[in-house]
Amino acid sequence: MRRTVVLSMVVVLLSLLPACGRREGAPTLPTTPEPPKPVDVHLRLISSQTGRPVAGARVTARRAEHRFTCVALGEVLAEAVSDADGGVVLRGIPGSSDPGPVRRDVALRIDAGPRFLVREVFLGDTPGSDPGVYPLWELAPEIGATEEMTRAINGGGVAKPPGPVYVEITPEFEPVRGDFEAAARRNNEVLADPAVPIRVVSAGEVPAGAFRVRLEIDPNEAGNPRTACGSGGCVITFPRNPATGGPGVGLRTAMHELGHVMGLYHHPGPGLMSIVRPAWDWTEQEVWAVRPRRHRANGNVWPDRALGPGC
């Protein structure tokens, strides 16, 4: 009888052991997440000016390492050449746990030959264009848009305004308001950058915090117009017109100085932004050379590099 009772108790205790082994809700050891799997990345290359596909360009993806003040490029992750439709497939790019569109750990170098500027950009960094589409800065030596001229007029990477530009017309500039309005329309047409339009407004109508262009008159009648810009706006100073006592400014001068406001600089010419061979309007080579700016964010420097300073 006693043996039967003891055996029964042992059976009951054994039946309780699984339940005692792990209580509901008890903490468990953390598991190490699996690293993201390599992926194939599909790109497409086009001309910034024409939109046509760019074939035969070599695209090299390299690991990017961000240091204190610079970006160092490491091992090559993948290489490919664009097909007839501008398509590129970079195979086996290491995956990323960052959900953002820009991969700052992967740098691309796009070399499409002498017809285009070499572009260096982070994977996914395509401001002003469709995701996965990388516009390249095309040269046109046959019309004078050489690499030298392109670099000169674009100021070597001078920043364009961060948003809409407001030209404030004070009472002393009201007589030439029409020149500034016509200049703004023409420059907007040429630059074709919807993110950075030039707008002409009356005094006191500039929105708070907006990029403001202030107009001033220099009492020196023999002086030349000059533009000085900072992070919040620009000041354009014009000589005084001795005949009228007002500002010495016309349509061409307004267009030229507003070109400086937009980040453009002098070049050998001919053209509106040339002081060596000046023209009354934008020339074909100027329009060709500045249009790609609409596809570039501030900080882009030469050659067409958006990675920041190299180590």
Protein backbone atom coordinates (compact mmCIF):
# COMPACT_ATOMS: atom_id res chain seq x y z
CA MET A 1 0.00 0.00 0.00
CA ARG A 2 2.80 2.40 1.02
CA ARG A 3 4.69 1.51 -2.18
CA THR A 4 1.63 2.38 -4.28
CA VAL A 5 1.27 5.79 -2.58
CA VAL A 6 4.95 6.62 -3.11
CA LEU A 7 4.80 5.67 -6.79
CA SER A 8 1.69 7.81 -7.24
CA MET A 9 3.42 10.83 -5.72
CA VAL A 10 6.44 10.37 -7.97
CA VAL A 11 4.20 10.29 -11.06
CA VAL A 12 2.45 13.50 -9.96
CA LEU A 13 5.76 15.28 -9.37
CA LEU A 14 7.13 14.20 -12.75
CA SER A 15 3.97 15.49 -14.45
CA LEU A 16 4.57 18.93 -12.91
CA LEU A 17 8.17 19.24 -14.06
CA PRO A 18 7.44 20.56 -17.65
CA ALA A 19 5.23 23.29 -16.24
CA CYS A 20 7.93 24.28 -13.74
CA GLY A 21 10.60 24.30 -16.44
CA ARG A 22 9.25 27.47 -18.12
CA ARG A 23 6.67 29.76 -16.67
CA GLU A 24 4.38 31.73 -18.99
CA GLY A 25 5.74 35.25 -19.55
CA ALA A 26 9.23 34.51 -18.24
CA PRO A 27 12.07 36.46 -19.99
CA THR A 28 14.04 34.67 -22.71
CA LEU A 29 17.54 35.26 -24.05
CA PRO A 30 17.65 37.77 -26.94
CA THR A 31 18.26 36.40 -30.39
CA THR A 32 20.75 37.96 -32.81
CA PRO A 33 18.89 39.31 -35.90
CA GLU A 34 20.06 38.05 -39.23
CA PRO A 35 22.00 40.65 -41.26
CA PRO A 36 20.14 42.07 -44.29
CA LYS A 37 20.60 39.92 -47.36
CA PRO A 38 22.49 41.23 -50.42
CA VAL A 39 20.27 42.82 -53.05
CA ASP A 40 20.42 43.59 -56.76
CA VAL A 41 20.04 47.33 -57.40
CA HIS A 42 18.52 48.58 -60.67
CA LEU A 43 19.43 52.06 -61.96
CA ARG A 44 18.81 54.05 -65.13
CA LEU A 45 21.10 56.73 -66.57
CA ILE A 46 19.83 59.65 -68.66
CA SER A 47 21.14 62.97 -69.96
CA SER A 48 20.13 65.90 -67.75
CA GLN A 49 19.59 68.08 -70.81
CA THR A 50 17.77 65.78 -73.23
CA GLY A 51 16.43 62.94 -71.08
CA ARG A 52 17.80 60.39 -73.53
CA PRO A 53 19.30 57.16 -72.11
CA VAL A 54 23.05 56.99 -71.65
CA ALA A 55 24.54 53.69 -72.83
CA GLY A 56 28.02 52.34 -72.18
CA ALA A 57 28.60 54.14 -68.88
CA ARG A 58 30.64 52.29 -66.24
CA VAL A 59 29.07 52.36 -62.77
CA THR A 60 31.19 51.38 -59.78
CA ALA A 61 29.69 50.92 -56.32
CA ARG A 62 32.06 51.23 -53.38
CA ARG A 63 31.65 51.11 -49.64
CA ALA A 64 31.56 54.63 -48.13
CA GLU A 65 32.95 55.31 -44.68
CA HIS A 66 32.02 58.58 -42.96
CA ARG A 67 34.82 60.05 -40.90
CA PHE A 68 34.91 63.30 -38.94
CA THR A 69 35.15 65.73 -41.86
CA CYS A 70 35.27 63.57 -44.97
CA VAL A 71 34.04 60.47 -46.78
CA ALA A 72 36.51 57.65 -47.47
CA LEU A 73 35.82 55.16 -50.25
CA GLY A 74 36.58 51.51 -49.52
CA GLU A 75 36.18 48.18 -51.27
CA VAL A 76 34.42 47.80 -54.60
CA LEU A 77 31.01 46.19 -54.05
CA ALA A 78 29.83 45.86 -57.65
CA GLU A 79 30.49 47.11 -61.18
CA ALA A 80 28.32 47.20 -64.29
CA VAL A 81 27.95 48.95 -67.66
CA SER A 82 24.70 50.60 -68.77
CA ASP A 83 22.77 48.99 -71.60
CA ALA A 84 21.19 50.65 -74.64
CA ASP A 85 18.27 51.88 -72.53
CA GLY A 86 20.57 53.31 -69.87
CA GLY A 87 19.76 50.44 -67.51
CA VAL A 88 22.26 49.22 -64.93
CA VAL A 89 22.07 46.25 -62.55
CA LEU A 90 24.47 46.23 -59.60
CA ARG A 91 24.40 42.71 -58.21
CA GLY A 92 25.05 41.65 -54.64
CA ILE A 93 24.99 45.06 -52.96
CA PRO A 94 25.00 44.50 -49.17
CA GLY A 95 21.57 44.96 -47.69
CA SER A 96 20.69 47.76 -45.28
CA SER A 97 18.41 48.01 -42.27
CA ASP A 98 17.95 51.75 -42.93
CA PRO A 99 14.49 52.28 -44.47
CA GLY A 100 15.47 55.63 -46.00
CA PRO A 101 15.87 56.06 -49.80
CA VAL A 102 19.50 57.22 -49.63
CA ARG A 103 22.24 54.68 -48.86
CA ARG A 104 25.04 56.78 -47.41
CA ASP A 105 27.16 53.66 -46.93
CA VAL A 106 27.35 53.01 -50.69
CA ALA A 107 28.91 55.50 -53.13
CA LEU A 108 28.48 55.36 -56.90
CA ARG A 109 30.96 56.58 -59.50
CA ILE A 110 29.38 56.98 -62.93
CA ASP A 111 31.78 57.47 -65.85
CA ALA A 112 30.08 57.82 -69.22
CA GLY A 113 33.12 59.02 -71.16
CA PRO A 114 34.25 62.47 -72.35
CA ARG A 115 30.74 63.60 -73.33
CA PHE A 116 29.64 63.68 -69.67
CA LEU A 117 31.00 64.86 -66.35
CA VAL A 118 31.90 62.02 -64.01
CA ARG A 119 29.20 61.81 -61.34
CA GLU A 120 29.85 60.70 -57.75
CA VAL A 121 26.77 60.26 -55.60
CA PHE A 122 25.36 58.14 -52.79
CA LEU A 123 23.13 55.27 -53.83
CA GLY A 124 19.54 56.53 -53.94
CA ASP A 125 20.46 60.23 -53.85
CA THR A 126 18.52 61.50 -56.86
CA PRO A 127 17.06 64.94 -55.95
CA GLY A 128 14.87 66.49 -58.60
CA SER A 129 14.44 63.27 -60.57
CA ASP A 130 12.61 59.94 -60.41
CA PRO A 131 13.84 57.35 -57.87
CA GLY A 132 16.41 55.10 -59.48
CA VAL A 133 17.05 57.54 -62.34
CA TYR A 134 20.44 59.28 -62.35
CA PRO A 135 20.71 62.28 -64.73
CA LEU A 136 24.24 62.93 -65.99
CA TRP A 137 25.69 66.37 -66.78
CA GLU A 138 26.20 66.33 -70.55
CA LEU A 139 28.71 68.54 -72.36
CA ALA A 140 28.25 69.96 -75.85
CA PRO A 141 31.60 71.19 -77.22
CA GLU A 142 30.08 71.65 -80.68
CA ILE A 143 28.10 74.67 -79.39
CA GLY A 144 30.76 75.90 -76.96
CA ALA A 145 29.48 74.13 -73.82
CA THR A 146 32.89 72.66 -73.02
CA GLU A 147 33.92 71.31 -69.64
CA GLU A 148 35.88 74.50 -68.93
CA MET A 149 32.92 76.73 -69.76
CA THR A 150 30.51 74.52 -67.81
CA ARG A 151 32.67 74.61 -64.71
CA ALA A 152 33.13 78.38 -64.98
CA ILE A 153 29.48 79.42 -65.34
CA ASN A 154 28.38 77.08 -62.58
CA GLY A 155 30.87 78.67 -60.21
CA GLY A 156 32.70 75.50 -59.29
CA GLY A 157 29.82 74.30 -57.15
CA VAL A 158 28.46 77.59 -55.77
CA ALA A 159 25.28 76.88 -53.82
CA LYS A 160 21.98 77.80 -55.36
CA PRO A 161 19.26 79.29 -53.12
CA PRO A 162 17.54 76.77 -50.85
CA GLY A 163 14.04 77.70 -52.05
CA PRO A 164 11.99 80.41 -53.78
CA VAL A 165 13.80 83.72 -54.29
CA TYR A 166 11.96 86.96 -53.48
CA VAL A 167 13.19 90.17 -55.14
CA GLU A 168 11.92 93.05 -52.99
CA ILE A 169 11.07 96.19 -54.97
CA THR A 170 11.38 99.27 -52.77
CA PRO A 171 9.84 102.62 -53.83
CA GLU A 172 13.08 103.90 -55.44
CA PHE A 173 13.16 100.80 -57.66
CA GLU A 174 9.50 101.00 -58.75
CA PRO A 175 10.41 102.76 -62.04
CA VAL A 176 12.43 99.69 -63.12
CA ARG A 177 10.09 97.07 -61.65
CA GLY A 178 9.16 95.91 -65.16
CA ASP A 179 12.80 95.09 -65.91
CA PHE A 180 13.04 92.87 -62.84
CA GLU A 181 9.74 91.13 -63.61
CA ALA A 182 10.87 90.42 -67.19
CA ALA A 183 14.28 89.26 -65.92
CA ALA A 184 12.66 86.89 -63.41
CA ARG A 185 10.43 85.36 -66.11
CA ARG A 186 13.34 84.81 -68.47
CA ASN A 187 15.68 83.38 -65.84
CA ASN A 188 12.96 81.03 -64.57
CA GLU A 189 12.46 79.82 -68.14
CA VAL A 190 16.18 79.20 -68.66
CA LEU A 191 16.98 77.55 -65.32
CA ALA A 192 13.73 75.53 -65.31
CA ASP A 193 14.05 74.71 -61.62
CA PRO A 194 10.55 74.60 -60.09
CA ALA A 195 12.02 74.29 -56.59
CA VAL A 196 13.84 77.64 -56.87
CA PRO A 197 11.62 80.15 -58.71
CA ILE A 198 12.38 83.88 -58.76
CA ARG A 199 9.47 86.06 -57.62
CA VAL A 200 9.23 89.87 -57.69
CA VAL A 201 7.28 91.40 -54.81
CA SER A 202 6.68 94.82 -53.30
CA ALA A 203 8.40 96.09 -50.17
CA GLY A 204 7.21 94.27 -47.06
CA GLU A 205 5.78 91.27 -48.98
CA VAL A 206 8.72 88.89 -48.50
CA PRO A 207 7.56 85.93 -46.34
CA ALA A 208 9.31 85.51 -43.01
CA GLY A 209 12.42 83.34 -43.32
CA ALA A 210 12.37 83.38 -47.14
CA PHE A 211 15.41 83.95 -49.37
CA ARG A 212 15.30 87.71 -49.88
CA VAL A 213 17.04 89.83 -52.52
CA ARG A 214 17.47 93.42 -51.37
CA LEU A 215 18.16 96.12 -53.97
CA GLU A 216 20.34 99.13 -53.18
CA ILE A 217 21.71 102.19 -55.00
CA ASP A 218 25.38 103.12 -54.78
CA PRO A 219 25.84 106.91 -54.87
CA ASN A 220 28.97 106.35 -56.97
CA GLU A 221 27.71 106.90 -60.54
CA ALA A 222 30.78 105.24 -62.09
CA GLY A 223 30.50 101.97 -60.17
CA ASN A 224 29.50 98.57 -61.53
CA PRO A 225 26.60 96.46 -60.27
CA ARG A 226 27.64 93.87 -57.71
CA THR A 227 25.92 91.02 -55.90
CA ALA A 228 26.79 89.70 -52.46
CA CYS A 229 25.00 86.66 -51.03
CA GLY A 230 24.75 84.90 -47.69
CA SER A 231 22.70 82.03 -46.29
CA GLY A 232 19.52 84.10 -45.96
CA GLY A 233 19.59 86.15 -49.14
CA CYS A 234 21.48 88.56 -51.38
CA VAL A 235 22.09 92.28 -51.78
CA ILE A 236 22.41 93.70 -55.32
CA THR A 237 23.95 97.16 -55.49
CA PHE A 238 23.51 99.28 -58.62
CA PRO A 239 25.19 102.58 -59.53
CA ARG A 240 23.03 105.69 -59.60
CA ASN A 241 21.79 106.81 -63.01
CA PRO A 242 22.98 110.40 -63.42
CA ALA A 243 20.15 111.24 -65.82
CA THR A 244 17.28 110.07 -63.64
CA GLY A 245 18.81 109.93 -60.18
CA GLY A 246 17.43 106.41 -59.86
CA PRO A 247 19.17 103.04 -60.14
CA GLY A 248 21.34 102.39 -63.19
CA VAL A 249 19.73 99.13 -64.19
CA GLY A 250 18.14 97.68 -67.32
CA LEU A 251 16.77 94.30 -68.36
CA ARG A 252 20.14 92.73 -69.24
CA THR A 253 21.77 93.95 -66.02
CA ALA A 254 18.86 92.62 -63.96
CA MET A 255 19.06 89.22 -65.66
CA HIS A 256 22.85 89.07 -65.15
CA GLU A 257 22.75 89.96 -61.45
CA LEU A 258 19.84 87.57 -60.79
CA GLY A 259 22.02 84.92 -62.45
CA HIS A 260 24.57 85.52 -59.69
CA VAL A 261 21.78 85.19 -57.12
CA MET A 262 21.03 81.73 -58.54
CA GLY A 263 24.67 80.65 -58.06
CA LEU A 264 26.05 81.33 -61.55
CA TYR A 265 29.34 83.02 -62.31
CA HIS A 266 31.28 84.67 -65.15
CA HIS A 267 32.66 82.58 -68.02
CA PRO A 268 34.77 83.26 -71.15
CA GLY A 269 31.64 83.84 -73.24
CA PRO A 270 29.85 84.68 -75.32
CA GLY A 271 26.77 85.00 -73.16
CA LEU A 272 24.69 86.86 -70.63
CA MET A 273 26.97 85.80 -67.75
CA SER A 274 30.13 86.77 -69.65
CA ILE A 275 31.97 90.01 -69.00
CA VAL A 276 34.49 89.32 -71.77
CA ARG A 277 32.02 88.70 -74.61
CA PRO A 278 28.68 89.87 -73.18
CA ALA A 279 25.36 89.13 -74.88
CA TRP A 280 21.89 90.61 -74.40
CA ASP A 281 20.27 87.28 -73.65
CA TRP A 282 21.16 83.76 -72.58
CA THR A 283 23.07 81.96 -75.33
CA GLU A 284 22.50 78.38 -76.43
CA GLN A 285 25.69 77.19 -74.74
CA GLU A 286 24.71 78.86 -71.45
CA VAL A 287 21.26 77.29 -71.41
CA TRP A 288 22.81 73.88 -72.10
CA ALA A 289 25.47 74.28 -69.40
CA VAL A 290 23.19 75.42 -66.54
CA ARG A 291 20.09 73.24 -66.99
CA PRO A 292 21.44 70.24 -65.01
CA ARG A 293 21.51 72.38 -61.86
CA ARG A 294 17.83 71.58 -61.37
CA HIS A 295 18.83 67.93 -60.80
CA ARG A 296 21.47 68.77 -58.20
CA ALA A 297 21.22 69.55 -54.50
CA ASN A 298 23.33 72.19 -52.80
CA GLY A 299 26.80 70.97 -51.94
CA ASN A 300 27.43 69.42 -55.33
CA VAL A 301 31.04 70.17 -56.34
CA TRP A 302 33.38 69.30 -59.21
CA PRO A 303 33.68 66.88 -60.73
CA ASP A 304 29.96 66.24 -60.34
CA ARG A 305 30.43 65.09 -56.73
CA ALA A 306 27.67 65.03 -54.10
CA LEU A 307 29.54 62.90 -51.53
CA GLY A 308 31.15 65.77 -49.65
CA PRO A 309 34.91 66.19 -49.13
CA GLY A 310 37.04 63.13 -49.82
CA CYS A 311 39.60 61.83 -47.32
